[in-house]
Protein backbone atom coordinates (compact mmCIF):
# COMPACT_ATOMS: atom_id res chain seq x y z
CA MET A 1 8.28 -41.23 -7.53
CA LYS A 2 5.25 -41.27 -9.71
CA LYS A 3 2.40 -42.95 -7.81
CA THR A 4 -0.63 -42.56 -10.07
CA GLY A 5 -2.14 -45.81 -8.82
CA PHE A 6 -1.94 -44.82 -5.17
CA ILE A 7 -3.51 -41.42 -5.94
CA SER A 8 -6.39 -43.10 -7.75
CA ALA A 9 -7.08 -45.34 -4.77
CA ALA A 10 -7.02 -42.30 -2.50
CA VAL A 11 -9.58 -40.56 -4.71
CA ILE A 12 -11.89 -43.55 -4.43
CA SER A 13 -11.53 -43.52 -0.65
CA SER A 14 -12.23 -39.79 -0.47
CA MET A 15 -15.42 -40.16 -2.49
CA LEU A 16 -16.68 -42.83 -0.10
CA ILE A 17 -15.89 -40.66 2.92
CA ILE A 18 -17.51 -37.54 1.45
CA SER A 19 -20.65 -39.46 0.52
CA GLY A 20 -21.01 -40.51 4.16
CA CYS A 21 -21.07 -44.24 3.41
CA ALA A 22 -17.77 -45.36 4.92
CA ARG A 23 -17.02 -45.46 8.64
CA GLU A 24 -13.56 -47.06 8.37
CA ILE A 25 -11.24 -47.57 5.42
CA GLU A 26 -8.07 -49.66 5.66
CA GLU A 27 -5.67 -49.82 2.70
CA THR A 28 -2.57 -52.00 2.41
CA ILE A 29 -0.09 -51.20 -0.36
CA TYR A 30 2.13 -53.97 -1.80
CA LEU A 31 4.85 -54.13 -4.45
CA GLY A 32 4.40 -56.57 -7.32
CA ASP A 33 6.89 -57.04 -10.14
CA ALA A 34 9.45 -54.31 -10.77
CA LYS A 35 12.02 -53.76 -13.51
CA ILE A 36 14.94 -51.35 -13.02
CA LYS A 37 17.38 -50.10 -15.66
CA SER A 38 20.69 -48.42 -14.76
CA PRO A 39 24.46 -48.97 -14.82
CA ILE A 40 26.34 -50.59 -11.96
CA SER A 41 27.82 -47.58 -10.15
CA THR A 42 31.33 -48.74 -9.13
CA PRO A 43 33.75 -46.63 -7.03
CA PRO A 44 36.41 -44.49 -8.75
CA VAL A 45 40.08 -45.55 -9.02
CA HIS A 46 42.69 -43.14 -7.57
CA LEU A 47 46.45 -43.83 -7.59
CA ASN A 48 49.14 -41.92 -5.73
CA ILE A 49 52.57 -42.09 -7.41
CA ASN A 50 55.06 -39.43 -6.38
CA SER A 51 52.19 -37.02 -5.65
CA ARG A 52 52.62 -33.60 -4.05
CA PRO A 53 50.24 -31.16 -2.34
CA GLY A 54 48.35 -29.16 -4.96
CA ASP A 55 48.51 -31.90 -7.62
CA ILE A 56 45.33 -32.41 -9.65
CA THR A 57 44.65 -35.62 -11.55
CA ILE A 58 42.00 -35.74 -14.31
CA SER A 59 40.96 -39.28 -15.23
CA PRO A 60 38.75 -40.06 -18.26
CA LYS A 61 37.52 -43.65 -18.03
CA PHE A 62 35.58 -46.32 -19.90
CA SER A 63 34.10 -49.61 -18.70
CA PHE A 64 31.84 -52.29 -20.15
CA THR A 65 29.83 -55.36 -19.15
CA ASN A 66 27.89 -58.10 -20.92
CA ASN A 67 24.59 -56.18 -20.49
CA LYS A 68 22.93 -58.92 -18.49
CA SER A 69 20.23 -58.71 -15.83
CA MET A 70 20.00 -59.77 -12.19
CA LEU A 71 16.97 -61.07 -10.30
CA THR A 72 15.95 -61.03 -6.65
CA THR A 73 12.91 -61.03 -4.36
CA SER A 74 11.85 -57.90 -2.48
CA ASP A 75 10.67 -57.80 1.13
CA GLU A 76 6.89 -58.01 1.63
CA VAL A 77 6.05 -58.85 -1.98
CA PHE A 78 2.30 -59.04 -2.75
CA PRO A 79 1.23 -62.47 -1.45
CA GLY A 80 -1.90 -63.15 -3.54
CA THR A 81 -3.44 -62.88 -6.99
CA ILE A 82 -5.65 -60.34 -8.70
CA THR A 83 -8.08 -60.90 -11.58
CA LEU A 84 -7.78 -58.24 -14.26
CA SER A 85 -10.58 -56.78 -16.36
CA ASP A 86 -9.73 -59.06 -19.32
CA GLY A 87 -10.15 -62.13 -17.12
CA SER A 88 -6.44 -62.90 -16.79
CA VAL A 89 -4.92 -63.47 -13.36
CA TYR A 90 -1.85 -61.55 -12.15
CA ARG A 91 0.57 -63.03 -9.63
CA PRO A 92 4.05 -61.58 -8.92
CA LYS A 93 7.00 -63.68 -10.02
CA ASP A 94 8.95 -65.61 -7.38
CA LYS A 95 11.86 -63.24 -8.11
CA ASN A 96 9.90 -60.07 -8.64
CA ILE A 97 12.81 -57.59 -8.98
CA GLU A 98 14.76 -57.48 -12.25
CA TRP A 99 17.76 -55.18 -12.68
CA VAL A 100 18.92 -54.69 -16.27
CA TYR A 101 22.27 -52.93 -16.18
CA SER A 102 23.90 -50.85 -18.90
CA ARG A 103 26.59 -52.22 -21.21
CA PHE A 104 28.94 -49.22 -21.57
CA VAL A 105 29.81 -46.43 -19.13
CA PHE A 106 31.92 -43.36 -19.91
CA GLY A 107 33.06 -40.78 -17.39
CA ALA A 108 35.81 -38.71 -15.80
CA ASP A 109 37.10 -38.19 -12.25
CA MET A 110 39.14 -35.42 -10.63
CA ASP A 111 41.41 -35.93 -7.62
CA PHE A 112 42.84 -32.90 -5.79
CA LYS A 113 45.69 -33.47 -3.32
CA ILE A 114 45.02 -31.04 -0.46
CA SER A 115 48.13 -32.12 1.45
CA ARG A 116 50.62 -34.98 1.58
CA LEU A 117 48.01 -37.08 3.40
CA PHE A 118 44.58 -35.91 2.23
CA ALA A 119 42.67 -35.51 -1.05
CA LEU A 120 39.21 -34.53 -2.25
CA PHE A 121 37.66 -36.05 -5.35
CA GLY A 122 34.60 -35.98 -7.56
CA GLY A 123 33.46 -37.32 -10.89
CA PHE A 124 30.63 -38.01 -13.31
CA SER A 125 29.56 -40.77 -15.70
CA PHE A 126 27.16 -41.47 -18.56
CA SER A 127 25.97 -44.83 -19.87
CA ASN A 128 25.16 -45.86 -23.43
CA ASP A 129 21.43 -45.84 -22.55
CA ASN A 130 21.45 -42.27 -21.16
CA TYR A 131 21.73 -42.77 -17.41
CA SER A 132 23.96 -40.32 -15.57
CA GLY A 133 25.91 -40.74 -12.35
CA ALA A 134 28.33 -38.88 -10.10
CA ASN A 135 30.57 -39.37 -7.07
CA ILE A 136 32.11 -37.19 -4.37
CA GLY A 137 34.38 -38.09 -1.50
CA ALA A 138 37.72 -37.85 0.25
CA GLY A 139 40.90 -39.90 0.45
CA ILE A 140 43.48 -40.43 3.18
CA PHE A 141 46.85 -41.84 2.06
CA SER A 142 50.49 -42.40 2.89
CA SER A 143 53.01 -40.39 0.87
CA SER A 144 56.37 -42.10 1.17
CA THR A 145 55.73 -45.81 1.83
CA GLU A 146 56.14 -48.68 -0.60
CA PRO A 147 53.48 -49.51 -1.57
CA ILE A 148 51.33 -46.40 -1.19
CA ILE A 149 48.19 -47.10 0.88
CA ARG A 150 45.06 -45.02 0.29
CA PHE A 151 41.61 -45.18 1.92
CA ASP A 152 38.74 -43.55 -0.04
CA PHE A 153 35.19 -42.99 1.15
CA GLY A 154 32.31 -41.12 -0.42
CA LEU A 155 28.85 -41.07 -1.96
CA SER A 156 27.76 -42.14 -5.42
CA PHE A 157 24.69 -40.79 -7.22
CA GLN A 158 22.98 -42.74 -9.97
CA SER A 159 19.90 -42.15 -12.11
CA TYR A 160 17.70 -45.11 -12.95
CA LYS A 161 14.42 -45.94 -14.67
CA TYR A 162 11.82 -48.14 -13.05
CA ASN A 163 8.59 -49.88 -14.03
CA ALA A 164 6.82 -51.23 -10.95
CA ILE A 165 3.41 -52.72 -10.24
CA THR A 166 1.62 -51.60 -7.08
CA ILE A 167 -1.34 -53.46 -5.57
CA VAL A 168 -3.73 -51.82 -3.10
CA ASP A 169 -5.95 -54.00 -0.88
CA GLN A 170 -8.90 -51.91 0.37
CA GLN A 171 -11.19 -52.96 3.25
CA ILE A 172 -14.26 -50.77 3.87
CA THR A 173 -16.55 -50.87 6.90
CA TYR A 174 -19.85 -49.00 6.44
CA PHE A 175 -21.93 -47.13 9.00
CA TRP A 176 -24.74 -49.69 8.76
CA GLY A 177 -22.33 -52.50 9.69
CA GLY A 178 -21.63 -54.02 6.29
CA GLU A 179 -18.16 -54.60 4.90
CA SER A 180 -16.64 -54.83 1.44
CA SER A 181 -13.17 -55.38 0.02
CA ASP A 182 -11.56 -54.40 -3.26
CA ARG A 183 -8.18 -54.90 -4.84
CA TYR A 184 -6.59 -52.44 -7.26
CA LEU A 185 -3.55 -52.84 -9.51
CA PHE A 186 -1.58 -49.84 -10.74
CA ARG A 187 1.67 -49.27 -12.58
CA ASP A 188 4.39 -46.83 -11.45
CA ASP A 189 6.62 -45.80 -14.34
CA GLY A 190 9.30 -43.13 -14.07
CA LYS A 191 12.89 -42.07 -13.50
CA ASN A 192 14.69 -41.25 -10.26
CA THR A 193 18.15 -40.67 -8.78
CA SER A 194 19.53 -42.51 -5.76
CA SER A 195 22.58 -42.02 -3.54
CA ALA A 196 24.62 -44.61 -1.63
CA PRO A 197 27.97 -44.85 0.21
CA PHE A 198 31.17 -46.58 -0.85
CA PHE A 199 34.64 -47.14 0.58
CA THR A 200 37.82 -48.63 -0.89
CA LEU A 201 41.37 -49.43 0.23
CA THR A 202 44.01 -49.18 -2.51
CA PHE A 203 47.65 -50.33 -2.63
CA ASN A 204 49.85 -49.11 -5.49
CA SER A 205 53.56 -49.25 -6.19
CA ASN A 206 55.39 -45.94 -5.77
CA ASN A 207 58.15 -46.15 -8.37
CA ASP A 208 57.66 -43.11 -10.59
CA SER A 209 60.43 -44.14 -13.00
CA ALA A 210 59.01 -47.61 -13.74
CA PHE A 211 57.18 -48.09 -17.04
CA VAL A 212 54.79 -50.65 -15.52
CA SER A 213 53.33 -50.39 -12.00
CA TYR A 214 50.76 -52.47 -10.17
CA PHE A 215 47.78 -51.56 -8.04
CA VAL A 216 45.02 -53.40 -6.26
CA SER A 217 41.99 -52.13 -4.37
CA ALA A 218 39.19 -53.71 -2.36
CA GLY A 219 36.10 -52.38 -0.66
CA TYR A 220 32.36 -52.27 -0.50
CA PHE A 221 29.72 -50.15 -2.20
CA MET A 222 25.94 -49.94 -2.22
CA GLN A 223 23.40 -48.99 -4.90
CA THR A 224 19.71 -48.29 -4.39
CA LEU A 225 17.49 -49.85 -7.07
CA LEU A 226 14.07 -48.77 -5.78
CA ASN A 227 13.45 -45.96 -3.36
CA PHE A 228 9.87 -46.41 -2.20
CA THR A 229 9.42 -44.60 1.10
CA PRO A 230 6.76 -46.38 3.22
CA GLN A 231 3.74 -44.13 3.71
CA ASP A 232 1.95 -45.59 6.74
CA SER A 233 -0.64 -43.18 8.10
CA TYR A 234 -3.55 -43.12 10.52
CA TYR A 235 -6.36 -40.56 10.66
CA SER A 236 -9.42 -40.64 12.86
CA ASN A 237 -12.19 -38.26 13.95
CA GLU A 238 -15.75 -38.59 15.22
CA VAL A 239 -17.04 -39.56 11.77
CA PHE A 240 -14.55 -41.96 10.18
CA THR A 241 -11.15 -43.65 10.46
CA ARG A 242 -8.66 -44.21 7.67
CA VAL A 243 -5.58 -46.43 7.97
CA ILE A 244 -2.88 -46.85 5.28
CA VAL A 245 -0.24 -49.58 5.65
CA ASP A 246 2.54 -49.33 3.04
CA GLU A 247 4.41 -52.65 2.76
CA ARG A 248 6.74 -51.46 -0.03
CA SER A 249 10.35 -50.93 0.95
CA ASP A 250 13.66 -49.72 -0.43
CA CYS A 251 15.63 -52.19 -2.52
CA THR A 252 19.39 -51.61 -2.07
CA ALA A 253 22.15 -53.84 -3.42
CA GLY A 254 25.54 -54.20 -1.73
CA PHE A 255 28.71 -55.32 -3.52
CA LEU A 256 32.02 -56.69 -2.32
CA TYR A 257 34.60 -55.08 -4.59
CA PHE A 258 38.05 -56.28 -5.71
CA ASN A 259 40.00 -54.42 -8.38
CA PRO A 260 43.48 -55.54 -9.57
CA GLY A 261 45.26 -53.69 -12.35
CA VAL A 262 48.41 -52.33 -13.93
CA SER A 263 49.40 -48.81 -14.95
CA PHE A 264 51.73 -47.82 -17.80
CA LYS A 265 53.75 -44.61 -17.69
CA LEU A 266 53.24 -42.89 -21.07
CA ASN A 267 55.12 -39.71 -20.16
CA THR A 268 55.86 -37.60 -17.07
CA GLN A 269 52.22 -36.46 -16.80
CA MET A 270 50.21 -39.33 -18.22
CA ARG A 271 49.48 -42.91 -17.18
CA LEU A 272 47.30 -45.61 -18.75
CA LEU A 273 45.40 -47.83 -16.27
CA ILE A 274 43.96 -51.21 -17.22
CA ASN A 275 42.04 -53.12 -14.58
CA ALA A 276 39.16 -55.51 -13.97
CA LYS A 277 36.58 -54.77 -11.27
CA LEU A 278 35.32 -58.00 -9.68
CA LEU A 279 31.96 -57.71 -7.90
CA LYS A 280 29.99 -60.03 -5.64
CA GLU A 281 26.51 -58.93 -4.53
CA SER A 282 25.93 -59.67 -0.84
CA ALA A 283 22.90 -57.69 0.42
CA LEU A 284 19.91 -58.67 -1.74
CA GLY A 285 20.93 -62.12 -2.87
CA LEU A 286 20.81 -60.99 -6.50
CA ASP A 287 20.98 -63.88 -8.96
CA THR A 288 24.19 -62.70 -10.68
CA GLY A 289 25.27 -66.15 -11.83
CA ASN A 290 28.69 -65.70 -10.21
CA ILE A 291 31.28 -62.94 -10.00
CA ILE A 292 30.52 -59.89 -12.15
CA ILE A 293 33.59 -58.74 -14.08
CA ILE A 294 33.77 -55.14 -15.32
CA PRO A 295 36.88 -54.38 -17.42
CA ASN A 296 37.95 -50.74 -17.11
CA VAL A 297 40.37 -48.48 -19.01
CA GLN A 298 41.44 -45.13 -17.56
CA VAL A 299 43.96 -42.42 -18.42
CA ASP A 300 45.40 -40.28 -15.60
CA PHE A 301 46.50 -36.76 -16.55
CA ASN A 302 48.56 -35.18 -13.76
CA LEU A 303 48.39 -31.38 -13.77
């Protein structure tokens, strides 16, 4: 992550140490307001209908949302205020994390049946506002039951853009016994990629001759919104001591996932899937309003 503000504070500290004025410097780093932009990275949908070892399924897909935002409060948010150079006063919002998610997502998945019970899969996605994502994983499934039962697990990767305010509280103790304190505000602005696990359990009807088939899946997936790695450090020698306490933390959402749908057999090698992914955030307490509904259209090409 880009941390220009933190580097600037470090330069100030180094100048004080080199000049021989400071005996001890303690810095505490806090997160203020942060805005994140990215799609909601939902798990892929894989059906097994009359599948055989060696089968490969290619699945172009399209989903959309209402392009809303969600709010929450991070752990250890900056507790005070800071007066800026123009005289205005900055205080973080009560809900200091805002996630603005993309409206449209396009992508494709590939599912390779290794055996009658095991598959490997992977895929990629792109949103209308130029954020890319990917997934990899494995599936374990029954081959002759009605309905077919499949358990998928894997990792999703998602790029995101962030704009975050960082506040540094600096306490300086001088050799002659005096003390001073300063407070600095900086802005971190950049793009990053996160990874997070997911798992789903899918039931689908196994009648290959039927024009319309049903499926339903449920599971849980996570998505990291901010990936600040705390940078606590302590350094001491005979001349000075420097302590850095980083109160920023990762911000990771967790979603309960329910996905009912129907598939239409277009020909012997092609199926059209129409489904609605229902999401409920459970880890951060995101202010989603209620259930998030993501309609999804997918075409399965069986090779």
